Amino acid sequence: MSGLSGRVALVTGGSRGIGAAIARRLAREGADVALTYVSAPEKAQAVIRDIQAAGRRGIAIAADSASPEAVIRAVEGTVAELGRLDILVNNAGIFPNGPLEEVTLEEVDRTLAIHVRAVFVAAQAAARHMGKGGRIISIGTCFSDRVPEPGVTLYTMSKSALTGLTRGLARDLGTRGITANVINPGPIDTDMNPASAPGAEAGLTHLAVKQFGEGEDIAATVAHLAGESGRFITGASIAVDGGFSA
């Protein structure tokens, strides 16, 4: 029997990149999976077809994580359609970057809404449905430990907040047998951060292994934390970054 058989997961931002890899991996491990998307229903449905091909149930929910109401609807919709919620993966994100002087207040508000408020709101809503063995896993960034270049202050600030949020969740929910952890990826080859992009190779100088990671590298760690093997890991920030923070 698969390690996550009978369990239900919600992956925010699960239509592409790291989120899609996570959704597919959790399905292969035996979980039914709901995912959210914003603007690419065809990509979301492609992931759902892969989930169903693995013999699991899958649903795609249109939800912009910048809207707290949409986040709550996604959680409640998962429970209504799939019957329960055991694993929440907060993956939805954007990548604001550029000169500090050019960052607008609108960018600040939207980034914090997606990277911080949405994670809090989703965790709060999910915790109402989770029992013992519940898992809350957030996707952060390697920039939380080290910022080797300018232009990512807003992104780094917003993702770094997940460390404190995760530690708080671990304390709040630990007595109920629910764990909370954050994974900090390094450079991962996705459509948002392609290894083939101009200048991407220069970023390898910061890594110990000198190659981009893949979405499956992050998905494997999520699967470990989501299963029974992750039961004694909570409040942790786990680097999956090719040695970026070494």
C-alpha atoms as a PDB file:
ATOM      1  CA  MET A   1       0.000   0.000   0.000  1.00  0.00           C
ATOM      2  CA  SER A   2       1.275   3.460  -0.848  1.00  0.00           C
ATOM      3  CA  GLY A   3       2.442   5.636   2.025  1.00  0.00           C
ATOM      4  CA  LEU A   4      -0.241   8.304   1.583  1.00  0.00           C
ATOM      5  CA  SER A   5      -3.141   6.020   0.710  1.00  0.00           C
ATOM      6  CA  GLY A   6      -6.455   7.394   2.008  1.00  0.00           C
ATOM      7  CA  ARG A   7      -5.091  10.875   2.539  1.00  0.00           C
ATOM      8  CA  VAL A   8      -6.099  14.109   0.818  1.00  0.00           C
ATOM      9  CA  ALA A   9      -3.744  16.941  -0.156  1.00  0.00           C
ATOM     10  CA  LEU A  10      -4.256  20.508  -1.341  1.00  0.00           C
ATOM     11  CA  VAL A  11      -1.404  22.067  -3.335  1.00  0.00           C
ATOM     12  CA  THR A  12      -1.720  25.790  -4.025  1.00  0.00           C
ATOM     13  CA  GLY A  13      -0.247  26.904  -7.332  1.00  0.00           C
ATOM     14  CA  GLY A  14      -0.237  23.306  -8.506  1.00  0.00           C
ATOM     15  CA  SER A  15      -0.726  23.743 -12.238  1.00  0.00           C
ATOM     16  CA  ARG A  16       2.929  24.114 -13.210  1.00  0.00           C
ATOM     17  CA  GLY A  17       6.533  24.016 -12.066  1.00  0.00           C
ATOM     18  CA  ILE A  18       7.289  22.889  -8.529  1.00  0.00           C
ATOM     19  CA  GLY A  19       3.605  22.756  -7.596  1.00  0.00           C
ATOM     20  CA  ALA A  20       2.749  20.402 -10.454  1.00  0.00           C
ATOM     21  CA  ALA A  21       5.664  18.123  -9.544  1.00  0.00           C
ATOM     22  CA  ILE A  22       4.434  18.029  -5.945  1.00  0.00           C
ATOM     23  CA  ALA A  23       0.845  17.264  -6.942  1.00  0.00           C
ATOM     24  CA  ARG A  24       1.934  14.410  -9.208  1.00  0.00           C
ATOM     25  CA  ARG A  25       4.299  12.953  -6.599  1.00  0.00           C
ATOM     26  CA  LEU A  26       1.681  12.987  -3.839  1.00  0.00           C
ATOM     27  CA  ALA A  27      -0.734  11.185  -6.169  1.00  0.00           C
ATOM     28  CA  ARG A  28       1.891   8.538  -6.951  1.00  0.00           C
ATOM     29  CA  GLU A  29       2.328   8.099  -3.199  1.00  0.00           C
ATOM     30  CA  GLY A  30      -1.397   7.355  -2.901  1.00  0.00           C
ATOM     31  CA  ALA A  31      -3.034  10.687  -2.006  1.00  0.00           C
ATOM     32  CA  ASP A  32      -6.048  12.281  -3.631  1.00  0.00           C
ATOM     33  CA  VAL A  33      -5.009  15.776  -4.671  1.00  0.00           C
ATOM     34  CA  ALA A  34      -6.695  19.143  -5.110  1.00  0.00           C
ATOM     35  CA  LEU A  35      -4.718  21.963  -6.668  1.00  0.00           C
ATOM     36  CA  THR A  36      -5.293  25.649  -7.259  1.00  0.00           C
ATOM     37  CA  TYR A  37      -4.476  27.700 -10.325  1.00  0.00           C
ATOM     38  CA  VAL A  38      -5.028  31.274 -11.488  1.00  0.00           C
ATOM     39  CA  SER A  39      -4.772  31.656 -15.252  1.00  0.00           C
ATOM     40  CA  ALA A  40      -3.898  28.337 -16.911  1.00  0.00           C
ATOM     41  CA  PRO A  41      -6.853  25.928 -16.688  1.00  0.00           C
ATOM     42  CA  GLU A  42      -5.451  23.750 -19.456  1.00  0.00           C
ATOM     43  CA  LYS A  43      -2.218  23.186 -17.517  1.00  0.00           C
ATOM     44  CA  ALA A  44      -4.193  22.474 -14.361  1.00  0.00           C
ATOM     45  CA  GLN A  45      -6.289  19.881 -16.178  1.00  0.00           C
ATOM     46  CA  ALA A  46      -3.147  18.243 -17.560  1.00  0.00           C
ATOM     47  CA  VAL A  47      -1.927  17.714 -14.005  1.00  0.00           C
ATOM     48  CA  ILE A  48      -5.347  16.389 -12.984  1.00  0.00           C
ATOM     49  CA  ARG A  49      -5.186  13.840 -15.811  1.00  0.00           C
ATOM     50  CA  ASP A  50      -1.823  12.653 -14.484  1.00  0.00           C
ATOM     51  CA  ILE A  51      -3.266  12.361 -10.979  1.00  0.00           C
ATOM     52  CA  GLN A  52      -6.159  10.300 -12.302  1.00  0.00           C
ATOM     53  CA  ALA A  53      -3.761   8.159 -14.343  1.00  0.00           C
ATOM     54  CA  ALA A  54      -2.077   7.312 -11.040  1.00  0.00           C
ATOM     55  CA  GLY A  55      -5.425   5.976  -9.854  1.00  0.00           C
ATOM     56  CA  ARG A  56      -6.235   8.874  -7.542  1.00  0.00           C
ATOM     57  CA  ARG A  57      -8.943  11.525  -7.453  1.00  0.00           C
ATOM     58  CA  GLY A  58      -7.957  15.037  -8.484  1.00  0.00           C
ATOM     59  CA  ILE A  59      -9.698  18.397  -8.681  1.00  0.00           C
ATOM     60  CA  ALA A  60      -8.556  21.798  -9.959  1.00  0.00           C
ATOM     61  CA  ILE A  61      -9.826  24.917  -8.203  1.00  0.00           C
ATOM     62  CA  ALA A  62      -9.522  28.405  -9.673  1.00  0.00           C
ATOM     63  CA  ALA A  63      -8.211  30.537  -6.806  1.00  0.00           C
ATOM     64  CA  ASP A  64      -5.926  33.561  -6.652  1.00  0.00           C
ATOM     65  CA  SER A  65      -3.952  33.340  -3.417  1.00  0.00           C
ATOM     66  CA  ALA A  66      -3.962  37.145  -3.206  1.00  0.00           C
ATOM     67  CA  SER A  67      -7.632  36.807  -2.170  1.00  0.00           C
ATOM     68  CA  PRO A  68      -8.179  35.415   1.335  1.00  0.00           C
ATOM     69  CA  GLU A  69     -11.746  34.500   0.388  1.00  0.00           C
ATOM     70  CA  ALA A  70     -10.468  32.445  -2.543  1.00  0.00           C
ATOM     71  CA  VAL A  71      -7.947  30.682  -0.305  1.00  0.00           C
ATOM     72  CA  ILE A  72     -10.654  29.708   2.174  1.00  0.00           C
ATOM     73  CA  ARG A  73     -12.922  28.541  -0.647  1.00  0.00           C
ATOM     74  CA  ALA A  74     -10.122  26.312  -1.926  1.00  0.00           C
ATOM     75  CA  VAL A  75      -9.711  24.668   1.464  1.00  0.00           C
ATOM     76  CA  GLU A  76     -13.439  24.222   1.981  1.00  0.00           C
ATOM     77  CA  GLY A  77     -13.903  23.062  -1.613  1.00  0.00           C
ATOM     78  CA  THR A  78     -11.244  20.385  -1.143  1.00  0.00           C
ATOM     79  CA  VAL A  79     -12.998  19.042   1.942  1.00  0.00           C
ATOM     80  CA  ALA A  80     -16.407  19.170   0.252  1.00  0.00           C
ATOM     81  CA  GLU A  81     -15.229  17.347  -2.898  1.00  0.00           C
ATOM     82  CA  LEU A  82     -12.670  14.920  -1.496  1.00  0.00           C
ATOM     83  CA  GLY A  83     -14.077  14.382   1.986  1.00  0.00           C
ATOM     84  CA  ARG A  84     -11.200  15.513   4.192  1.00  0.00           C
ATOM     85  CA  LEU A  85      -7.885  17.387   4.246  1.00  0.00           C
ATOM     86  CA  ASP A  86      -4.677  15.927   5.620  1.00  0.00           C
ATOM     87  CA  ILE A  87      -1.866  17.709   3.754  1.00  0.00           C
ATOM     88  CA  LEU A  88      -1.630  21.394   2.855  1.00  0.00           C
ATOM     89  CA  VAL A  89       1.208  22.486   0.584  1.00  0.00           C
ATOM     90  CA  ASN A  90       1.538  26.271   0.346  1.00  0.00           C
ATOM     91  CA  ASN A  91       3.332  26.600  -2.964  1.00  0.00           C
ATOM     92  CA  ALA A  92       1.650  29.467  -4.839  1.00  0.00           C
ATOM     93  CA  GLY A  93       4.067  32.299  -5.456  1.00  0.00           C
ATOM     94  CA  ILE A  94       5.340  35.095  -7.641  1.00  0.00           C
ATOM     95  CA  PHE A  95       8.835  36.465  -8.200  1.00  0.00           C
ATOM     96  CA  PRO A  96       8.992  40.249  -7.880  1.00  0.00           C
ATOM     97  CA  ASN A  97      12.468  41.523  -8.674  1.00  0.00           C
ATOM     98  CA  GLY A  98      14.232  44.673  -9.771  1.00  0.00           C
ATOM     99  CA  PRO A  99      15.796  47.818  -8.305  1.00  0.00           C
ATOM    100  CA  LEU A 100      14.652  48.614  -4.773  1.00  0.00           C
ATOM    101  CA  GLU A 101      13.765  52.187  -5.730  1.00  0.00           C
ATOM    102  CA  GLU A 102      11.282  50.977  -8.342  1.00  0.00           C
ATOM    103  CA  VAL A 103       9.234  48.652  -6.117  1.00  0.00           C
ATOM    104  CA  THR A 104       5.677  49.953  -5.768  1.00  0.00           C
ATOM    105  CA  LEU A 105       3.389  49.676  -2.775  1.00  0.00           C
ATOM    106  CA  GLU A 106       1.017  47.661  -4.947  1.00  0.00           C
ATOM    107  CA  GLU A 107       3.789  45.115  -5.544  1.00  0.00           C
ATOM    108  CA  VAL A 108       4.533  44.997  -1.828  1.00  0.00           C
ATOM    109  CA  ASP A 109       0.895  44.412  -0.940  1.00  0.00           C
ATOM    110  CA  ARG A 110       0.324  41.698  -3.557  1.00  0.00           C
ATOM    111  CA  THR A 111       3.561  39.875  -2.725  1.00  0.00           C
ATOM    112  CA  LEU A 112       2.846  39.826   1.001  1.00  0.00           C
ATOM    113  CA  ALA A 113      -0.747  38.796   0.329  1.00  0.00           C
ATOM    114  CA  ILE A 114       0.346  35.761  -1.700  1.00  0.00           C
ATOM    115  CA  HIS A 115       3.457  34.700   0.194  1.00  0.00           C
ATOM    116  CA  VAL A 116       2.447  35.451   3.789  1.00  0.00           C
ATOM    117  CA  ARG A 117      -1.243  36.193   4.341  1.00  0.00           C
ATOM    118  CA  ALA A 118      -2.416  33.365   2.087  1.00  0.00           C
ATOM    119  CA  VAL A 119      -0.231  30.857   3.922  1.00  0.00           C
ATOM    120  CA  PHE A 120      -1.600  31.984   7.283  1.00  0.00           C
ATOM    121  CA  VAL A 121      -5.206  31.941   6.067  1.00  0.00           C
ATOM    122  CA  ALA A 122      -4.841  28.540   4.392  1.00  0.00           C
ATOM    123  CA  ALA A 123      -3.172  27.019   7.450  1.00  0.00           C
ATOM    124  CA  GLN A 124      -5.846  28.448   9.734  1.00  0.00           C
ATOM    125  CA  ALA A 125      -8.643  27.100   7.540  1.00  0.00           C
ATOM    126  CA  ALA A 126      -6.958  23.734   7.016  1.00  0.00           C
ATOM    127  CA  ALA A 127      -6.251  23.240  10.719  1.00  0.00           C
ATOM    128  CA  ARG A 128      -9.985  23.255  11.389  1.00  0.00           C
ATOM    129  CA  HIS A 129     -10.262  20.049   9.349  1.00  0.00           C
ATOM    130  CA  MET A 130      -6.993  18.278  10.140  1.00  0.00           C
ATOM    131  CA  GLY A 131      -6.601  15.533  12.693  1.00  0.00           C
ATOM    132  CA  LYS A 132      -3.570  13.729  14.048  1.00  0.00           C
ATOM    133  CA  GLY A 133      -1.053  13.240  11.258  1.00  0.00           C
ATOM    134  CA  GLY A 134      -1.942  16.490   9.525  1.00  0.00           C
ATOM    135  CA  ARG A 135       0.838  18.171   7.587  1.00  0.00           C
ATOM    136  CA  ILE A 136       1.370  21.818   6.640  1.00  0.00           C
ATOM    137  CA  ILE A 137       4.293  22.304   4.259  1.00  0.00           C
ATOM    138  CA  SER A 138       5.269  25.675   2.809  1.00  0.00           C
ATOM    139  CA  ILE A 139       7.655  26.408  -0.042  1.00  0.00           C
ATOM    140  CA  GLY A 140      10.098  29.198   0.765  1.00  0.00           C
ATOM    141  CA  THR A 141      13.381  30.164  -0.894  1.00  0.00           C
ATOM    142  CA  CYS A 142      17.128  29.721  -0.489  1.00  0.00           C
ATOM    143  CA  PHE A 143      17.321  33.530  -0.332  1.00  0.00           C
ATOM    144  CA  SER A 144      16.025  33.277   3.236  1.00  0.00           C
ATOM    145  CA  ASP A 145      19.508  32.118   4.243  1.00  0.00           C
ATOM    146  CA  ARG A 146      21.692  33.996   1.801  1.00  0.00           C
ATOM    147  CA  VAL A 147      21.153  36.872  -0.657  1.00  0.00           C
ATOM    148  CA  PRO A 148      24.116  36.971  -3.064  1.00  0.00           C
ATOM    149  CA  GLU A 149      22.747  39.535  -5.492  1.00  0.00           C
ATOM    150  CA  PRO A 150      20.612  42.711  -5.475  1.00  0.00           C
ATOM    151  CA  GLY A 151      17.048  43.097  -6.703  1.00  0.00           C
ATOM    152  CA  VAL A 152      15.245  40.484  -4.599  1.00  0.00           C
ATOM    153  CA  THR A 153      14.590  42.361  -1.356  1.00  0.00           C
ATOM    154  CA  LEU A 154      10.794  42.170  -1.541  1.00  0.00           C
ATOM    155  CA  TYR A 155      10.814  38.506  -2.553  1.00  0.00           C
ATOM    156  CA  THR A 156      13.290  37.618   0.184  1.00  0.00           C
ATOM    157  CA  MET A 157      11.387  39.550   2.845  1.00  0.00           C
ATOM    158  CA  SER A 158       8.089  37.890   2.013  1.00  0.00           C
ATOM    159  CA  LYS A 159       9.451  34.349   1.873  1.00  0.00           C
ATOM    160  CA  SER A 160      11.563  34.791   5.004  1.00  0.00           C
ATOM    161  CA  ALA A 161       8.361  35.404   6.962  1.00  0.00           C
ATOM    162  CA  LEU A 162       7.525  31.732   6.438  1.00  0.00           C
ATOM    163  CA  THR A 163      10.230  30.725   8.912  1.00  0.00           C
ATOM    164  CA  GLY A 164       8.559  32.463  11.844  1.00  0.00           C
ATOM    165  CA  LEU A 165       5.095  31.484  10.662  1.00  0.00           C
ATOM    166  CA  THR A 166       6.117  27.833  10.439  1.00  0.00           C
ATOM    167  CA  ARG A 167       7.638  27.801  13.912  1.00  0.00           C
ATOM    168  CA  GLY A 168       4.471  29.342  15.320  1.00  0.00           C
ATOM    169  CA  LEU A 169       2.281  26.787  13.561  1.00  0.00           C
ATOM    170  CA  ALA A 170       4.456  23.970  14.888  1.00  0.00           C
ATOM    171  CA  ARG A 171       3.846  25.159  18.449  1.00  0.00           C
ATOM    172  CA  ASP A 172       0.153  25.884  17.958  1.00  0.00           C
ATOM    173  CA  LEU A 173      -0.639  22.545  16.331  1.00  0.00           C
ATOM    174  CA  GLY A 174       1.956  20.146  17.727  1.00  0.00           C
ATOM    175  CA  THR A 175      -0.205  18.890  20.587  1.00  0.00           C
ATOM    176  CA  ARG A 176      -2.766  17.814  17.990  1.00  0.00           C
ATOM    177  CA  GLY A 177      -0.197  15.750  16.119  1.00  0.00           C
ATOM    178  CA  ILE A 178      -0.035  18.200  13.200  1.00  0.00           C
ATOM    179  CA  THR A 179       3.386  19.185  11.863  1.00  0.00           C
ATOM    180  CA  ALA A 180       4.468  22.339  10.028  1.00  0.00           C
ATOM    181  CA  ASN A 181       7.658  22.783   8.020  1.00  0.00           C
ATOM    182  CA  VAL A 182       9.106  25.015   5.314  1.00  0.00           C
ATOM    183  CA  ILE A 183      11.259  23.846   2.400  1.00  0.00           C
ATOM    184  CA  ASN A 184      13.717  26.349   0.941  1.00  0.00           C
ATOM    185  CA  PRO A 185      14.520  25.426  -2.686  1.00  0.00           C
ATOM    186  CA  GLY A 186      17.556  26.590  -4.568  1.00  0.00           C
ATOM    187  CA  PRO A 187      17.493  27.231  -8.333  1.00  0.00           C
ATOM    188  CA  ILE A 188      14.928  24.833  -9.809  1.00  0.00           C
ATOM    189  CA  ASP A 189      14.494  24.445 -13.570  1.00  0.00           C
ATOM    190  CA  THR A 190      10.894  25.563 -14.195  1.00  0.00           C
ATOM    191  CA  ASP A 191       9.115  27.782 -16.697  1.00  0.00           C
ATOM    192  CA  MET A 192       9.364  30.631 -14.166  1.00  0.00           C
ATOM    193  CA  ASN A 193      13.110  30.044 -13.647  1.00  0.00           C
ATOM    194  CA  PRO A 194      14.433  28.117 -16.682  1.00  0.00           C
ATOM    195  CA  ALA A 195      17.962  26.757 -16.612  1.00  0.00           C
ATOM    196  CA  SER A 196      18.239  27.861 -20.251  1.00  0.00           C
ATOM    197  CA  ALA A 197      17.514  31.534 -19.526  1.00  0.00           C
ATOM    198  CA  PRO A 198      20.195  34.130 -20.369  1.00  0.00           C
ATOM    199  CA  GLY A 199      22.491  34.529 -17.390  1.00  0.00           C
ATOM    200  CA  ALA A 200      21.137  31.475 -15.582  1.00  0.00           C
ATOM    201  CA  GLU A 201      24.449  29.651 -15.807  1.00  0.00           C
ATOM    202  CA  ALA A 202      26.157  32.426 -13.851  1.00  0.00           C
ATOM    203  CA  GLY A 203      23.952  31.593 -10.891  1.00  0.00           C
ATOM    204  CA  LEU A 204      25.522  28.149 -10.661  1.00  0.00           C
ATOM    205  CA  THR A 205      28.613  29.739  -9.127  1.00  0.00           C
ATOM    206  CA  HIS A 206      26.649  29.974  -5.860  1.00  0.00           C
ATOM    207  CA  LEU A 207      25.918  26.229  -5.789  1.00  0.00           C
ATOM    208  CA  ALA A 208      28.020  23.343  -4.548  1.00  0.00           C
ATOM    209  CA  VAL A 209      26.660  20.856  -7.127  1.00  0.00           C
ATOM    210  CA  LYS A 210      26.827  23.233 -10.146  1.00  0.00           C
ATOM    211  CA  GLN A 211      23.496  22.279 -11.672  1.00  0.00           C
ATOM    212  CA  PHE A 212      19.866  23.336 -11.446  1.00  0.00           C
ATOM    213  CA  GLY A 213      17.529  21.163  -9.448  1.00  0.00           C
ATOM    214  CA  GLU A 214      14.250  19.758 -10.734  1.00  0.00           C
ATOM    215  CA  GLY A 215      10.727  20.019  -9.403  1.00  0.00           C
ATOM    216  CA  GLU A 216      10.915  16.369  -8.390  1.00  0.00           C
ATOM    217  CA  ASP A 217      13.741  17.209  -5.955  1.00  0.00           C
ATOM    218  CA  ILE A 218      11.347  19.413  -4.002  1.00  0.00           C
ATOM    219  CA  ALA A 219       8.440  16.995  -4.454  1.00  0.00           C
ATOM    220  CA  ALA A 220      10.462  14.154  -2.940  1.00  0.00           C
ATOM    221  CA  THR A 221      11.091  16.181   0.216  1.00  0.00           C
ATOM    222  CA  VAL A 222       7.420  17.142   0.421  1.00  0.00           C
ATOM    223  CA  ALA A 223       6.448  13.481   0.134  1.00  0.00           C
ATOM    224  CA  HIS A 224       8.866  12.575   2.922  1.00  0.00           C
ATOM    225  CA  LEU A 225       7.459  15.236   5.241  1.00  0.00           C
ATOM    226  CA  ALA A 226       3.866  14.354   4.317  1.00  0.00           C
ATOM    227  CA  GLY A 227       4.205  10.692   5.189  1.00  0.00           C
ATOM    228  CA  GLU A 228       4.745   8.764   8.390  1.00  0.00           C
ATOM    229  CA  SER A 229       8.490   9.306   8.008  1.00  0.00           C
ATOM    230  CA  GLY A 230       7.927  13.009   8.661  1.00  0.00           C
ATOM    231  CA  ARG A 231       6.034  12.605  11.929  1.00  0.00           C
ATOM    232  CA  PHE A 232       8.926  13.824  14.141  1.00  0.00           C
ATOM    233  CA  ILE A 233       9.949  16.770  11.957  1.00  0.00           C
ATOM    234  CA  THR A 234       8.227  20.061  12.736  1.00  0.00           C
ATOM    235  CA  GLY A 235       9.086  23.736  12.924  1.00  0.00           C
ATOM    236  CA  ALA A 236      11.992  23.060  10.567  1.00  0.00           C
ATOM    237  CA  SER A 237      13.416  24.985   7.620  1.00  0.00           C
ATOM    238  CA  ILE A 238      14.835  22.441   5.200  1.00  0.00           C
ATOM    239  CA  ALA A 239      17.238  23.503   2.446  1.00  0.00           C
ATOM    240  CA  VAL A 240      16.923  21.667  -0.876  1.00  0.00           C
ATOM    241  CA  ASP A 241      19.254  24.036  -2.665  1.00  0.00           C
ATOM    242  CA  GLY A 242      22.246  22.260  -4.165  1.00  0.00           C
ATOM    243  CA  GLY A 243      24.501  23.723  -1.504  1.00  0.00           C
ATOM    244  CA  PHE A 244      23.466  27.345  -2.105  1.00  0.00           C
ATOM    245  CA  SER A 245      23.422  27.997   1.658  1.00  0.00           C
ATOM    246  CA  ALA A 246      26.524  25.909   2.468  1.00  0.00           C
END
